[in-house]
Amino acid sequence: MTKMNEINGMKEEQLARLLVERRNALREAYFQLSGGKLKNSRVIRVARKDIARILTRLALLRQIA
């Protein structure tokens, strides 16, 4: 899980890269879940929250600029 302090310290390019990584991780978790191979379903919840945090920060940065 990425903390807001870490996210707030990142630049827009870093946030965009992190967003892609988290979306890929979420996609993989859903594939594993559908295949019955996912051991810890909390991974999905954490990834979704991270994505929401990143999108919120990106929206704030774009609103300021």
N, C-alpha and C. Protein backbone atom coordinates (compact mmCIF):
# COMPACT_ATOMS: atom_id res chain seq x y z
N MET A 1 0.85 -1.17 0.00
CA MET A 1 0.00 0.00 0.00
C MET A 1 0.89 1.23 0.00
N THR A 2 0.55 2.16 -0.85
CA THR A 2 1.29 3.40 -0.95
C THR A 2 0.64 4.43 -0.03
N LYS A 3 1.45 5.09 0.76
CA LYS A 3 0.92 6.07 1.70
C LYS A 3 0.78 7.42 1.02
N MET A 4 -0.13 8.23 1.53
CA MET A 4 -0.37 9.55 0.94
C MET A 4 0.87 10.43 1.03
N ASN A 5 1.68 10.29 2.06
CA ASN A 5 2.90 11.09 2.16
C ASN A 5 3.82 10.80 0.98
N GLU A 6 3.92 9.54 0.60
CA GLU A 6 4.75 9.17 -0.54
C GLU A 6 4.16 9.71 -1.83
N ILE A 7 2.85 9.60 -1.98
CA ILE A 7 2.18 10.06 -3.19
C ILE A 7 2.28 11.57 -3.31
N ASN A 8 2.12 12.29 -2.21
CA ASN A 8 2.19 13.75 -2.25
C ASN A 8 3.57 14.25 -2.64
N GLY A 9 4.60 13.47 -2.38
CA GLY A 9 5.95 13.87 -2.71
C GLY A 9 6.35 13.58 -4.15
N MET A 10 5.49 12.93 -4.91
CA MET A 10 5.84 12.54 -6.28
C MET A 10 5.39 13.59 -7.28
N LYS A 11 6.10 13.59 -8.41
CA LYS A 11 5.73 14.48 -9.51
C LYS A 11 4.71 13.78 -10.39
N GLU A 12 4.13 14.54 -11.31
CA GLU A 12 3.06 14.02 -12.15
C GLU A 12 3.50 12.82 -12.99
N GLU A 13 4.72 12.86 -13.52
CA GLU A 13 5.22 11.76 -14.34
C GLU A 13 5.38 10.48 -13.50
N GLN A 14 5.87 10.65 -12.28
CA GLN A 14 6.04 9.50 -11.39
C GLN A 14 4.68 8.90 -11.03
N LEU A 15 3.71 9.77 -10.79
CA LEU A 15 2.37 9.30 -10.45
C LEU A 15 1.74 8.55 -11.62
N ALA A 16 1.97 9.04 -12.83
CA ALA A 16 1.42 8.36 -14.00
C ALA A 16 2.02 6.96 -14.14
N ARG A 17 3.33 6.84 -13.90
CA ARG A 17 3.98 5.52 -13.98
C ARG A 17 3.45 4.59 -12.88
N LEU A 18 3.30 5.13 -11.68
CA LEU A 18 2.80 4.34 -10.57
C LEU A 18 1.36 3.89 -10.83
N LEU A 19 0.57 4.75 -11.45
CA LEU A 19 -0.81 4.41 -11.79
C LEU A 19 -0.86 3.23 -12.75
N VAL A 20 0.00 3.25 -13.75
CA VAL A 20 0.06 2.14 -14.71
C VAL A 20 0.45 0.85 -14.00
N GLU A 21 1.44 0.94 -13.11
CA GLU A 21 1.88 -0.25 -12.36
C GLU A 21 0.75 -0.81 -11.51
N ARG A 22 0.04 0.06 -10.81
CA ARG A 22 -1.04 -0.40 -9.93
C ARG A 22 -2.19 -0.99 -10.73
N ARG A 23 -2.51 -0.39 -11.88
CA ARG A 23 -3.58 -0.94 -12.71
C ARG A 23 -3.20 -2.31 -13.26
N ASN A 24 -1.93 -2.47 -13.63
CA ASN A 24 -1.48 -3.79 -14.09
C ASN A 24 -1.55 -4.81 -12.96
N ALA A 25 -1.16 -4.41 -11.76
CA ALA A 25 -1.23 -5.31 -10.61
C ALA A 25 -2.68 -5.71 -10.32
N LEU A 26 -3.59 -4.76 -10.44
CA LEU A 26 -5.00 -5.05 -10.22
C LEU A 26 -5.53 -6.02 -11.27
N ARG A 27 -5.15 -5.79 -12.52
CA ARG A 27 -5.57 -6.67 -13.61
C ARG A 27 -5.07 -8.10 -13.36
N GLU A 28 -3.81 -8.22 -12.98
CA GLU A 28 -3.25 -9.54 -12.70
C GLU A 28 -3.96 -10.22 -11.52
N ALA A 29 -4.29 -9.43 -10.51
CA ALA A 29 -4.99 -9.99 -9.35
C ALA A 29 -6.36 -10.52 -9.74
N TYR A 30 -7.06 -9.79 -10.62
CA TYR A 30 -8.36 -10.26 -11.07
C TYR A 30 -8.23 -11.54 -11.90
N PHE A 31 -7.19 -11.63 -12.72
CA PHE A 31 -6.96 -12.86 -13.49
C PHE A 31 -6.69 -14.03 -12.56
N GLN A 32 -5.88 -13.80 -11.55
CA GLN A 32 -5.58 -14.86 -10.59
C GLN A 32 -6.83 -15.26 -9.80
N LEU A 33 -7.65 -14.27 -9.46
CA LEU A 33 -8.88 -14.55 -8.72
C LEU A 33 -9.82 -15.42 -9.55
N SER A 34 -9.96 -15.08 -10.83
CA SER A 34 -10.86 -15.85 -11.69
C SER A 34 -10.33 -17.26 -11.93
N GLY A 35 -9.01 -17.42 -11.90
CA GLY A 35 -8.42 -18.73 -12.08
C GLY A 35 -8.30 -19.53 -10.80
N GLY A 36 -8.67 -18.93 -9.68
CA GLY A 36 -8.61 -19.62 -8.40
C GLY A 36 -7.22 -19.71 -7.82
N LYS A 37 -6.30 -18.87 -8.30
CA LYS A 37 -4.92 -18.93 -7.82
C LYS A 37 -4.56 -17.82 -6.84
N LEU A 38 -5.47 -16.89 -6.63
CA LEU A 38 -5.19 -15.77 -5.73
C LEU A 38 -5.35 -16.22 -4.29
N LYS A 39 -4.28 -16.12 -3.53
CA LYS A 39 -4.31 -16.57 -2.13
C LYS A 39 -4.83 -15.49 -1.19
N ASN A 40 -4.50 -14.22 -1.48
CA ASN A 40 -4.87 -13.12 -0.60
C ASN A 40 -5.72 -12.13 -1.39
N SER A 41 -7.01 -12.13 -1.18
CA SER A 41 -7.91 -11.25 -1.94
C SER A 41 -7.79 -9.79 -1.52
N ARG A 42 -7.10 -9.54 -0.43
CA ARG A 42 -6.91 -8.16 0.03
C ARG A 42 -6.07 -7.35 -0.96
N VAL A 43 -5.30 -8.03 -1.77
CA VAL A 43 -4.47 -7.38 -2.79
C VAL A 43 -5.34 -6.51 -3.70
N ILE A 44 -6.52 -7.00 -4.02
CA ILE A 44 -7.42 -6.26 -4.90
C ILE A 44 -7.88 -4.97 -4.22
N ARG A 45 -8.26 -5.06 -2.97
CA ARG A 45 -8.73 -3.88 -2.24
C ARG A 45 -7.63 -2.83 -2.12
N VAL A 46 -6.43 -3.28 -1.80
CA VAL A 46 -5.30 -2.36 -1.64
C VAL A 46 -4.98 -1.68 -2.97
N ALA A 47 -4.98 -2.44 -4.06
CA ALA A 47 -4.68 -1.87 -5.37
C ALA A 47 -5.73 -0.83 -5.76
N ARG A 48 -6.99 -1.13 -5.50
CA ARG A 48 -8.05 -0.18 -5.84
C ARG A 48 -7.91 1.12 -5.04
N LYS A 49 -7.57 1.00 -3.77
CA LYS A 49 -7.39 2.20 -2.94
C LYS A 49 -6.18 3.01 -3.40
N ASP A 50 -5.11 2.31 -3.76
CA ASP A 50 -3.92 3.01 -4.26
C ASP A 50 -4.25 3.77 -5.54
N ILE A 51 -4.99 3.14 -6.43
CA ILE A 51 -5.37 3.79 -7.68
C ILE A 51 -6.21 5.03 -7.39
N ALA A 52 -7.13 4.93 -6.47
CA ALA A 52 -7.96 6.09 -6.11
C ALA A 52 -7.12 7.22 -5.53
N ARG A 53 -6.16 6.87 -4.69
CA ARG A 53 -5.28 7.90 -4.10
C ARG A 53 -4.46 8.60 -5.18
N ILE A 54 -3.94 7.82 -6.11
CA ILE A 54 -3.12 8.39 -7.18
C ILE A 54 -3.96 9.28 -8.07
N LEU A 55 -5.15 8.83 -8.44
CA LEU A 55 -6.02 9.64 -9.29
C LEU A 55 -6.44 10.93 -8.60
N THR A 56 -6.67 10.86 -7.30
CA THR A 56 -7.02 12.07 -6.54
C THR A 56 -5.88 13.07 -6.58
N ARG A 57 -4.67 12.59 -6.35
CA ARG A 57 -3.50 13.49 -6.36
C ARG A 57 -3.27 14.07 -7.75
N LEU A 58 -3.42 13.25 -8.80
CA LEU A 58 -3.25 13.75 -10.16
C LEU A 58 -4.29 14.83 -10.48
N ALA A 59 -5.51 14.63 -10.04
CA ALA A 59 -6.56 15.63 -10.27
C ALA A 59 -6.22 16.94 -9.57
N LEU A 60 -5.70 16.85 -8.35
CA LEU A 60 -5.32 18.07 -7.63
C LEU A 60 -4.17 18.79 -8.32
N LEU A 61 -3.18 18.03 -8.79
CA LEU A 61 -2.04 18.64 -9.48
C LEU A 61 -2.48 19.32 -10.77
N ARG A 62 -3.38 18.70 -11.49
CA ARG A 62 -3.84 19.27 -12.76
C ARG A 62 -4.75 20.47 -12.52
N GLN A 63 -5.45 20.47 -11.41
CA GLN A 63 -6.32 21.59 -11.07
C GLN A 63 -5.49 22.82 -10.71
N ILE A 64 -4.37 22.59 -10.04
CA ILE A 64 -3.50 23.69 -9.64
C ILE A 64 -2.80 24.30 -10.85
N ALA A 65 -2.38 23.45 -11.78
CA ALA A 65 -1.61 23.91 -12.95
C ALA A 65 -2.44 24.62 -13.97
